[in-house]
């Protein structure tokens, strides 16, 4: 039987809750004490005995990253890589795929800018083609339309699970079922979903999954992770190799390591890696289903309150929007709303057009306010934020 979130415990264990009303968890969530302690203790150890020596001494804790991430995603430890950020994790996977002229890359309407730029670059270099999957009536990736698009030339399906500019949740597992049935590579950008909802790569059926530490996982900035399915790992060579990812065996040859760590670099931020490990272990100490339930409850409360404010438009798509709430308020620029709320110690962010160009242009949006809740937020905080927005509108 699942246990509801102990909000007071979560807040006690989150020092930032004493200082701000944080509704920018889709940007960078507040770290719990344990994450901060893991990082600062290792930095102190490096300062005391040396960086290499600290890494050797803490080897077991550093290796915990792989088993913790495997537990989080329901995969094998050897299918996990630690990467300096989610974009580079995604890049390592995408640029390892050997595209040829005429290969088709299928992606979503609300795909993130960094990913789409990479699609265009590879298309320019190789002659591959980038095609956008139509959306269904809820704004999600249309699974029916995707199925009709599939043929022998489709090399990759790459979508963002939860787009950056709103609460939409794409049907990742349904896409995965189609990809697996056709033997098509499937890359899932899960930056905004890992940590705010249960993620099971076996159920989703993806070949790659990239995620960041700083968002809903509540880890440090400058940390990311990559999952690569074991069955395809050895078929793909990363675009960048070093002496950690491969072994130099003769003056003219090298051998790439067999596991997902072929996508890593030799030099890495060990304090950050330990911080991310602590964040993952902390996430595992809660019921992931209850985290998602709590997040959706808070987001629903926020959306309902926003709809009651004159001139406010809630812009989230999808059948069941998640913890990210996007909106505009009359003629007030989103950046001004962000600034005014910040002056009241209320954190939100702004998603500009260029982050999700196709989606924003289709909906004729220049930018939106993005408020993103997490389980340590309270109903009272939501009411306080709504009161501030109502006053701003007045």
Protein backbone atom coordinates (compact mmCIF):
# COMPACT_ATOMS: atom_id res chain seq x y z
CA UNK A 1 0.00 0.00 0.00
CA UNK A 2 1.43 3.39 -1.00
CA UNK A 3 2.18 6.05 1.61
CA UNK A 4 1.13 9.67 0.96
CA UNK A 5 3.89 12.25 0.77
CA UNK A 6 4.96 13.61 4.16
CA UNK A 7 5.15 17.23 3.04
CA UNK A 8 6.48 18.52 6.35
CA UNK A 9 9.33 16.01 6.28
CA UNK A 10 10.16 17.00 2.71
CA UNK A 11 10.25 20.66 3.69
CA UNK A 12 12.38 20.04 6.79
CA UNK A 13 14.88 18.26 4.59
CA UNK A 14 14.92 21.08 2.01
CA UNK A 15 16.75 24.19 3.26
CA UNK A 16 15.55 26.37 0.40
CA UNK A 17 11.94 26.10 1.57
CA UNK A 18 12.82 28.54 4.37
CA UNK A 19 13.78 31.25 1.89
CA UNK A 20 11.69 31.06 -1.30
CA UNK A 21 8.41 29.90 -2.72
CA UNK A 22 9.93 27.77 -5.45
CA UNK A 23 7.78 27.14 -8.53
CA UNK A 24 10.71 26.65 -10.89
CA UNK A 25 11.30 22.93 -10.45
CA UNK A 26 11.28 22.41 -14.22
CA UNK A 27 14.32 24.70 -14.27
CA UNK A 28 16.24 23.58 -11.19
CA UNK A 29 14.54 22.16 -8.12
CA UNK A 30 15.61 22.84 -4.54
CA UNK A 31 18.21 20.33 -3.32
CA UNK A 32 17.64 18.39 -0.10
CA UNK A 33 20.22 18.53 2.70
CA UNK A 34 21.59 15.10 1.76
CA UNK A 35 22.57 16.22 -1.73
CA UNK A 36 24.32 19.33 -0.46
CA UNK A 37 26.14 17.30 2.20
CA UNK A 38 27.32 14.67 -0.28
CA UNK A 39 28.87 17.31 -2.50
CA UNK A 40 30.42 19.53 0.14
CA UNK A 41 31.90 16.58 2.05
CA UNK A 42 33.60 15.28 -1.08
CA UNK A 43 34.91 18.73 -2.01
CA UNK A 44 36.33 19.02 1.50
CA UNK A 45 37.93 15.61 1.13
CA UNK A 46 39.49 16.62 -2.19
CA UNK A 47 40.85 19.76 -0.55
CA UNK A 48 42.28 17.75 2.35
CA UNK A 49 43.88 14.77 0.61
CA UNK A 50 43.79 15.47 -3.16
CA UNK A 51 41.31 14.86 -5.94
CA UNK A 52 42.65 11.52 -7.23
CA UNK A 53 43.10 10.22 -3.71
CA UNK A 54 39.56 11.28 -2.74
CA UNK A 55 38.11 9.44 -5.74
CA UNK A 56 39.99 6.27 -4.78
CA UNK A 57 38.87 6.51 -1.16
CA UNK A 58 35.22 7.04 -2.12
CA UNK A 59 35.16 4.52 -4.98
CA UNK A 60 32.31 2.45 -3.52
CA UNK A 61 30.07 5.51 -3.05
CA UNK A 62 30.91 6.74 -6.54
CA UNK A 63 30.03 3.35 -8.01
CA UNK A 64 26.66 3.55 -6.23
CA UNK A 65 25.54 5.94 -9.00
CA UNK A 66 25.10 3.03 -11.41
CA UNK A 67 23.06 0.77 -9.15
CA UNK A 68 20.95 3.68 -7.88
CA UNK A 69 20.15 4.84 -11.42
CA UNK A 70 19.40 1.26 -12.47
CA UNK A 71 16.89 1.02 -9.62
CA UNK A 72 15.34 4.35 -10.60
CA UNK A 73 14.88 3.43 -14.27
CA UNK A 74 14.45 -0.37 -13.98
CA UNK A 75 17.50 -1.26 -16.02
CA UNK A 76 20.94 -2.82 -15.53
CA UNK A 77 23.85 -0.87 -13.99
CA UNK A 78 25.93 -1.54 -17.11
CA UNK A 79 23.26 0.27 -19.18
CA UNK A 80 23.90 3.57 -17.35
CA UNK A 81 26.36 6.39 -17.99
CA UNK A 82 27.09 9.54 -15.99
CA UNK A 83 27.39 12.58 -18.27
CA UNK A 84 28.04 16.22 -17.46
CA UNK A 85 24.54 17.32 -18.47
CA UNK A 86 21.41 16.01 -20.18
CA UNK A 87 22.10 17.73 -23.48
CA UNK A 88 25.47 16.04 -23.77
CA UNK A 89 23.93 12.73 -22.73
CA UNK A 90 21.35 13.11 -25.51
CA UNK A 91 24.08 14.20 -27.96
CA UNK A 92 26.27 11.20 -27.14
CA UNK A 93 23.39 8.91 -28.02
CA UNK A 94 22.13 10.76 -31.09
CA UNK A 95 25.49 11.42 -32.73
CA UNK A 96 26.49 7.76 -32.32
CA UNK A 97 23.83 6.71 -34.85
CA UNK A 98 25.29 6.30 -38.37
CA UNK A 99 22.79 8.14 -40.55
CA UNK A 100 22.81 7.76 -44.34
CA UNK A 101 21.20 9.78 -47.17
CA UNK A 102 17.46 9.18 -47.18
CA UNK A 103 17.25 8.01 -43.55
CA UNK A 104 14.25 9.50 -41.78
CA UNK A 105 14.28 11.04 -38.30
CA UNK A 106 10.79 11.35 -36.79
CA UNK A 107 10.23 13.79 -33.96
CA UNK A 108 7.48 15.65 -32.11
CA UNK A 109 5.81 19.02 -32.66
CA UNK A 110 6.97 20.29 -29.26
CA UNK A 111 10.57 19.06 -29.55
CA UNK A 112 13.24 20.98 -27.63
CA UNK A 113 15.48 23.42 -29.52
CA UNK A 114 18.80 21.74 -28.75
CA UNK A 115 17.52 18.43 -30.07
CA UNK A 116 16.05 19.92 -33.22
CA UNK A 117 19.24 21.84 -33.97
CA UNK A 118 21.10 18.51 -33.79
CA UNK A 119 18.58 16.93 -36.18
CA UNK A 120 19.13 19.74 -38.67
CA UNK A 121 22.90 19.54 -38.37
CA UNK A 122 22.97 15.79 -39.01
CA UNK A 123 20.50 16.14 -41.88
CA UNK A 124 22.77 18.77 -43.43
CA UNK A 125 25.85 16.55 -43.04
CA UNK A 126 24.39 13.19 -44.06
CA UNK A 127 21.34 13.75 -46.25
CA UNK A 128 18.97 12.33 -43.65
CA UNK A 129 15.50 13.89 -43.42
CA UNK A 130 13.76 15.34 -40.39
CA UNK A 131 9.98 14.89 -40.23
CA UNK A 132 7.52 16.02 -37.58
CA UNK A 133 4.88 13.62 -36.29
CA UNK A 134 1.43 15.29 -36.25
CA UNK A 135 -0.22 15.89 -32.90
CA UNK A 136 -3.56 14.43 -31.83
CA UNK A 137 -6.57 16.41 -30.60
CA UNK A 138 -4.95 16.85 -27.16
CA UNK A 139 -1.67 18.14 -28.56
CA UNK A 140 0.21 14.90 -27.86
CA UNK A 141 2.21 12.91 -30.39
CA UNK A 142 -0.39 11.12 -32.51
CA UNK A 143 0.38 7.41 -32.23
CA UNK A 144 -1.93 6.68 -35.17
CA UNK A 145 -0.17 9.22 -37.38
CA UNK A 146 3.22 7.88 -36.30
CA UNK A 147 2.24 4.34 -37.26
CA UNK A 148 1.27 5.51 -40.74
CA UNK A 149 4.64 7.25 -41.17
CA UNK A 150 6.73 4.18 -40.39
CA UNK A 151 8.62 2.45 -43.20
CA UNK A 152 12.03 0.89 -43.79
CA UNK A 153 13.67 4.32 -44.14
CA UNK A 154 12.85 5.44 -40.58
CA UNK A 155 16.15 5.24 -38.71
CA UNK A 156 15.16 6.98 -35.50
CA UNK A 157 12.15 8.13 -33.49
CA UNK A 158 13.26 10.85 -31.06
CA UNK A 159 10.77 12.70 -28.90
CA UNK A 160 10.68 14.69 -25.69
CA UNK A 161 8.58 12.99 -23.03
CA UNK A 162 7.50 16.24 -21.32
CA UNK A 163 8.18 19.38 -23.39
CA UNK A 164 9.88 22.31 -21.71
CA UNK A 165 7.07 24.82 -22.34
CA UNK A 166 4.11 23.20 -20.61
CA UNK A 167 2.46 20.27 -18.86
CA UNK A 168 2.02 18.00 -21.88
CA UNK A 169 3.03 14.35 -21.38
CA UNK A 170 3.65 12.47 -24.63
CA UNK A 171 2.59 8.78 -24.84
CA UNK A 172 6.13 7.46 -24.55
CA UNK A 173 5.24 3.80 -24.00
CA UNK A 174 2.87 3.68 -26.98
CA UNK A 175 5.59 5.17 -29.17
CA UNK A 176 8.01 2.60 -27.76
CA UNK A 177 5.73 -0.29 -28.66
CA UNK A 178 5.67 0.84 -32.31
CA UNK A 179 9.43 1.38 -32.41
CA UNK A 180 10.24 -2.00 -30.86
CA UNK A 181 7.83 -3.85 -33.17
CA UNK A 182 9.53 -2.32 -36.23
CA UNK A 183 13.10 -2.53 -34.93
CA UNK A 184 13.50 1.27 -35.07
CA UNK A 185 15.84 3.08 -32.68
CA UNK A 186 13.99 5.17 -30.09
CA UNK A 187 15.58 8.07 -28.18
CA UNK A 188 13.58 9.63 -25.34
CA UNK A 189 14.44 13.01 -23.82
CA UNK A 190 13.18 12.56 -20.26
CA UNK A 191 14.65 15.71 -18.72
CA UNK A 192 11.33 16.90 -17.33
CA UNK A 193 9.82 13.53 -16.46
CA UNK A 194 12.53 11.70 -14.47
CA UNK A 195 11.92 12.62 -10.84
CA UNK A 196 8.36 13.91 -11.19
CA UNK A 197 6.77 10.59 -12.23
CA UNK A 198 7.71 6.89 -12.30
CA UNK A 199 9.96 6.06 -15.26
CA UNK A 200 10.45 2.43 -16.34
CA UNK A 201 12.56 2.00 -19.47
CA UNK A 202 11.33 -1.58 -19.88
CA UNK A 203 7.73 -0.41 -19.97
CA UNK A 204 8.54 2.56 -22.21
CA UNK A 205 10.58 0.44 -24.62
CA UNK A 206 13.17 3.09 -25.48
CA UNK A 207 16.71 2.34 -26.63
CA UNK A 208 18.14 5.53 -25.12
CA UNK A 209 16.93 7.84 -22.36
CA UNK A 210 18.59 11.09 -21.30
CA UNK A 211 17.87 13.06 -18.13
CA UNK A 212 19.30 15.82 -16.00
CA UNK A 213 20.09 15.97 -12.31
CA UNK A 214 18.98 19.52 -11.60
CA UNK A 215 15.25 19.37 -12.34
CA UNK A 216 12.71 17.10 -10.67
CA UNK A 217 15.43 14.71 -9.43
CA UNK A 218 16.58 17.57 -7.18
CA UNK A 219 20.26 17.01 -7.87
CA UNK A 220 23.05 19.49 -8.66
CA UNK A 221 23.48 21.45 -11.86
CA UNK A 222 26.05 20.14 -14.32
CA UNK A 223 25.00 16.50 -13.92
CA UNK A 224 23.13 14.17 -16.25
CA UNK A 225 22.55 10.53 -17.00
CA UNK A 226 22.14 8.35 -20.05
CA UNK A 227 20.48 4.95 -20.37
CA UNK A 228 21.50 2.80 -23.36
CA UNK A 229 19.83 -0.56 -23.89
CA UNK A 230 22.38 -3.36 -23.59
CA UNK A 231 21.33 -5.06 -26.82
CA UNK A 232 22.28 -2.05 -28.95
CA UNK A 233 25.11 -0.53 -26.90
CA UNK A 234 27.93 -2.38 -28.64
CA UNK A 235 26.48 -1.62 -32.08
CA UNK A 236 27.02 2.13 -31.67
CA UNK A 237 30.28 4.01 -31.27
CA UNK A 238 30.08 7.35 -29.43
CA UNK A 239 31.15 10.45 -31.38
CA UNK A 240 33.83 11.20 -28.79
CA UNK A 241 36.13 8.63 -27.20
CA UNK A 242 38.88 8.90 -24.64
CA UNK A 243 40.97 6.55 -22.51
CA UNK A 244 37.98 5.91 -20.22
CA UNK A 245 35.61 4.99 -23.06
CA UNK A 246 38.16 2.93 -24.98
CA UNK A 247 41.53 1.21 -24.62
CA UNK A 248 44.45 1.95 -26.98
CA UNK A 249 45.61 -1.57 -27.89
CA UNK A 250 48.25 -0.98 -30.59
CA UNK A 251 49.72 1.95 -32.57
CA UNK A 252 46.82 1.62 -35.05
CA UNK A 253 43.88 0.23 -33.06
CA UNK A 254 41.66 0.68 -30.01
CA UNK A 255 38.85 -1.25 -28.34
CA UNK A 256 35.71 0.48 -27.04
CA UNK A 257 34.48 -0.72 -23.66
CA UNK A 258 31.37 -2.92 -23.88
CA UNK A 259 29.03 -1.15 -21.46
CA UNK A 260 27.27 2.23 -21.43
CA UNK A 261 30.30 3.87 -19.84
CA UNK A 262 31.68 4.10 -23.37
CA UNK A 263 29.52 7.25 -23.48
CA UNK A 264 31.34 8.79 -20.49
CA UNK A 265 34.51 10.90 -20.20
CA UNK A 266 37.53 10.05 -18.06
CA UNK A 267 37.42 13.39 -16.25
CA UNK A 268 34.17 14.09 -14.44
CA UNK A 269 32.80 16.09 -11.55
CA UNK A 270 33.00 13.55 -8.73
CA UNK A 271 31.32 15.83 -6.21
CA UNK A 272 28.49 16.33 -8.70
CA UNK A 273 28.28 12.59 -9.34
CA UNK A 274 28.00 11.92 -5.62
CA UNK A 275 25.42 14.69 -5.34
CA UNK A 276 23.34 13.17 -8.14
CA UNK A 277 23.65 9.74 -6.54
CA UNK A 278 22.38 11.18 -3.26
CA UNK A 279 19.49 12.83 -5.12
CA UNK A 280 18.55 9.54 -6.79
CA UNK A 281 18.74 7.64 -3.50
CA UNK A 282 16.61 10.37 -1.92
CA UNK A 283 14.05 10.08 -4.72
CA UNK A 284 13.99 6.31 -4.20
CA UNK A 285 13.17 6.88 -0.52
CA UNK A 286 9.77 8.23 -1.60
CA UNK A 287 7.00 6.42 -3.47
CA UNK A 288 7.37 7.62 -7.10
CA UNK A 289 3.66 7.12 -7.72
CA UNK A 290 2.85 9.32 -4.72
CA UNK A 291 5.29 11.98 -5.97
CA UNK A 292 3.43 12.08 -9.28
CA UNK A 293 0.04 12.13 -7.54
CA UNK A 294 1.07 14.99 -5.27
CA UNK A 295 2.54 16.95 -8.17
CA UNK A 296 -0.60 16.59 -10.27
CA UNK A 297 -2.80 17.66 -7.35
CA UNK A 298 -0.76 20.83 -6.79
CA UNK A 299 -0.64 21.60 -10.51
CA UNK A 300 -4.41 21.15 -10.82
CA UNK A 301 -4.94 23.53 -7.90
CA UNK A 302 -2.71 26.09 -9.59
CA UNK A 303 -4.42 25.74 -12.98
CA UNK A 304 -7.88 26.11 -11.46
CA UNK A 305 -6.79 29.22 -9.59
CA UNK A 306 -5.22 30.75 -12.68
CA UNK A 307 -8.39 30.20 -14.72
CA UNK A 308 -10.28 32.23 -12.10
CA UNK A 309 -8.04 35.27 -12.71
CA UNK A 310 -9.48 37.63 -15.31
CA UNK A 311 -7.36 37.76 -18.47
CA UNK A 312 -5.30 34.68 -17.59
CA UNK A 313 -5.00 31.84 -20.13
CA UNK A 314 -3.69 28.44 -19.09
CA UNK A 315 -1.88 26.92 -22.07
CA UNK A 316 -1.10 23.33 -21.07
CA UNK A 317 -1.87 20.58 -23.58
CA UNK A 318 -2.40 16.85 -23.12
CA UNK A 319 -5.03 14.54 -21.65
CA UNK A 320 -3.44 14.59 -18.20
CA UNK A 321 -1.10 17.57 -17.76
CA UNK A 322 1.74 17.13 -15.31
CA UNK A 323 3.56 19.35 -12.79
CA UNK A 324 4.43 22.10 -15.29
CA UNK A 325 1.86 24.88 -15.65
CA UNK A 326 2.17 27.40 -18.49
CA UNK A 327 0.12 30.56 -18.84
CA UNK A 328 -0.09 34.14 -20.05
CA UNK A 329 -1.89 37.08 -18.45
CA UNK A 330 -3.45 39.62 -20.79
CA UNK A 331 -0.91 42.07 -22.15
CA UNK A 332 1.56 41.70 -19.29
CA UNK A 333 4.85 40.34 -20.69
CA UNK A 334 5.82 37.00 -19.11
CA UNK A 335 9.26 38.38 -18.21
CA UNK A 336 7.58 41.16 -16.20
CA UNK A 337 5.45 38.61 -14.34
CA UNK A 338 8.58 36.64 -13.54
CA UNK A 339 10.36 39.78 -12.30
CA UNK A 340 7.46 40.92 -10.14
CA UNK A 341 7.04 37.49 -8.55
CA UNK A 342 10.78 37.24 -7.94
CA UNK A 343 10.60 40.48 -5.94
CA UNK A 344 8.17 38.62 -3.64
CA UNK A 345 10.52 35.60 -3.32
CA UNK A 346 8.34 33.54 -5.67
CA UNK A 347 10.31 31.74 -8.35
CA UNK A 348 8.89 30.99 -11.80
CA UNK A 349 10.53 30.95 -15.23
CA UNK A 350 9.76 32.01 -18.80
CA UNK A 351 9.76 29.74 -21.85
CA UNK A 352 10.49 31.75 -25.01
CA UNK A 353 9.39 30.89 -28.54
CA UNK A 354 12.82 29.71 -29.69
CA UNK A 355 12.94 26.85 -27.15
CA UNK A 356 10.04 25.01 -28.84
CA UNK A 357 9.76 26.88 -32.12
CA UNK A 358 7.28 24.67 -34.01
CA UNK A 359 4.81 24.37 -31.16
CA UNK A 360 4.99 28.03 -30.14
CA UNK A 361 4.60 29.28 -33.72
CA UNK A 362 1.65 26.98 -34.33
CA UNK A 363 -0.07 28.42 -31.24
CA UNK A 364 1.09 31.98 -32.00
CA UNK A 365 2.91 32.35 -28.69
CA UNK A 366 5.99 34.53 -28.20
CA UNK A 367 6.68 33.36 -24.64
CA UNK A 368 4.86 31.87 -21.66
CA UNK A 369 5.21 31.93 -17.90
CA UNK A 370 6.18 28.49 -16.61
CA UNK A 371 5.33 27.60 -13.01
CA UNK A 372 6.37 24.10 -12.00
CA UNK A 373 5.41 22.54 -8.69
CA UNK A 374 7.04 19.71 -6.76
CA UNK A 375 5.92 17.56 -3.86
CA UNK A 376 7.52 19.81 -1.21
CA UNK A 377 5.33 22.75 -2.25
CA UNK A 378 2.19 23.37 -0.18
CA UNK A 379 -1.37 24.35 -0.95
CA UNK A 380 -0.75 27.54 1.03
CA UNK A 381 2.14 28.40 -1.28
CA UNK A 382 -0.09 27.90 -4.32
CA UNK A 383 -2.68 30.25 -2.81
CA UNK A 384 0.03 32.81 -2.05
CA UNK A 385 1.30 32.71 -5.64
CA UNK A 386 -2.25 33.03 -7.00
CA UNK A 387 -2.91 36.00 -4.72
CA UNK A 388 0.23 37.73 -6.00
CA UNK A 389 -0.77 37.09 -9.63
CA UNK A 390 -4.31 38.36 -8.97
CA UNK A 391 -2.89 41.55 -7.48
CA UNK A 392 -0.55 41.96 -10.43
CA UNK A 393 -3.46 41.54 -12.84
CA UNK A 394 -5.51 44.12 -10.92
